[in-house]
Amino acid sequence: MLCRQIAGRSALQLLHERLLLEAKRQLTYTNMTIGQVSDSLGFSEPAYFTRFFKRNTALSPRDFRLGSKHSHKY
C-alpha cells in the first residue's frame, strides 16, 4: 500500500519493472545466454523468464537482443 501511495504502482509492479530493466541491460550489454540471464535474475526456468519478458515487452528475449544490436534504446 505504501508503494502505491508513493510511486503510484504496487510493490510487485515495481519489482517487475526493475527485473525487466536488468534483463534488458544484460541482454544488451553482455554475452550471457538467455538461460544465464534467467538464472542471474532468479527465475527457476528459462521458459518462465521468456514468458515474463515477452508478456512485458511483446518481444522474446532473443528478438529483443537482436533488435538491441541495432539500437541501444530501451
Protein backbone atom coordinates (compact mmCIF):
# COMPACT_ATOMS: atom_id res chain seq x y z
CA MET A 1 0.00 0.00 0.00
CA LEU A 2 2.85 2.37 0.78
CA CYS A 3 4.43 1.72 -2.64
CA ARG A 4 1.17 2.61 -4.34
CA GLN A 5 0.88 5.83 -2.32
CA ILE A 6 4.45 6.93 -3.05
CA ALA A 7 5.13 5.53 -6.53
CA GLY A 8 1.63 5.03 -7.86
CA ARG A 9 2.38 1.36 -8.52
CA SER A 10 2.25 -1.80 -6.46
CA ALA A 11 5.36 -3.37 -4.98
CA LEU A 12 5.01 -6.23 -7.48
CA GLN A 13 4.85 -3.78 -10.39
CA LEU A 14 8.00 -2.03 -9.14
CA LEU A 15 9.79 -5.36 -8.77
CA HIS A 16 8.80 -6.42 -12.28
CA GLU A 17 9.96 -3.09 -13.72
CA ARG A 18 13.34 -3.50 -12.04
CA LEU A 19 13.71 -7.12 -13.19
CA LEU A 20 12.81 -6.10 -16.72
CA LEU A 21 15.31 -3.24 -16.72
CA GLU A 22 18.10 -5.54 -15.55
CA ALA A 23 17.11 -8.20 -18.08
CA LYS A 24 17.29 -5.64 -20.89
CA ARG A 25 20.70 -4.44 -19.70
CA GLN A 26 22.10 -7.96 -19.54
CA LEU A 27 20.67 -8.90 -22.94
CA THR A 28 22.08 -5.74 -24.50
CA TYR A 29 25.49 -5.39 -22.88
CA THR A 30 26.63 -8.93 -22.03
CA ASN A 31 27.28 -12.14 -23.91
CA MET A 32 25.36 -14.16 -21.33
CA THR A 33 22.99 -16.76 -22.74
CA ILE A 34 19.29 -16.28 -22.16
CA GLY A 35 19.49 -19.15 -19.68
CA GLN A 36 22.28 -17.40 -17.79
CA VAL A 37 20.33 -14.13 -17.72
CA SER A 38 17.29 -16.04 -16.48
CA ASP A 39 19.32 -17.70 -13.74
CA SER A 40 21.02 -14.46 -12.68
CA LEU A 41 17.60 -12.84 -12.20
CA GLY A 42 16.29 -15.68 -10.07
CA PHE A 43 13.96 -17.44 -12.48
CA SER A 44 13.78 -21.19 -11.88
CA GLU A 45 13.44 -21.96 -15.60
CA PRO A 46 14.41 -20.04 -18.75
CA ALA A 47 10.88 -20.65 -20.07
CA TYR A 48 9.42 -18.68 -17.15
CA PHE A 49 11.83 -15.83 -17.84
CA THR A 50 10.93 -15.85 -21.54
CA ARG A 51 7.20 -15.69 -20.73
CA PHE A 52 7.75 -12.87 -18.22
CA PHE A 53 9.88 -10.92 -20.70
CA LYS A 54 7.51 -11.41 -23.63
CA ARG A 55 4.45 -10.51 -21.55
CA ASN A 56 6.09 -7.21 -20.56
CA THR A 57 7.79 -6.23 -23.83
CA ALA A 58 5.88 -8.10 -26.57
CA LEU A 59 9.28 -9.46 -27.70
CA SER A 60 11.11 -12.64 -26.84
CA PRO A 61 14.48 -12.13 -25.16
CA ARG A 62 16.14 -13.37 -28.37
CA ASP A 63 14.23 -10.89 -30.56
CA PHE A 64 14.97 -8.07 -28.11
CA ARG A 65 18.67 -8.94 -28.19
CA LEU A 66 18.72 -8.98 -32.00
CA GLY A 67 16.94 -5.62 -32.11
CA SER A 68 19.19 -4.08 -29.47
CA LYS A 69 22.25 -4.73 -31.60
CA HIS A 70 20.93 -2.00 -33.91
CA SER A 71 19.77 0.36 -31.20
CA HIS A 72 20.73 0.80 -27.57
CA LYS A 73 17.42 2.45 -26.73
CA TYR A 74 15.05 0.66 -24.41
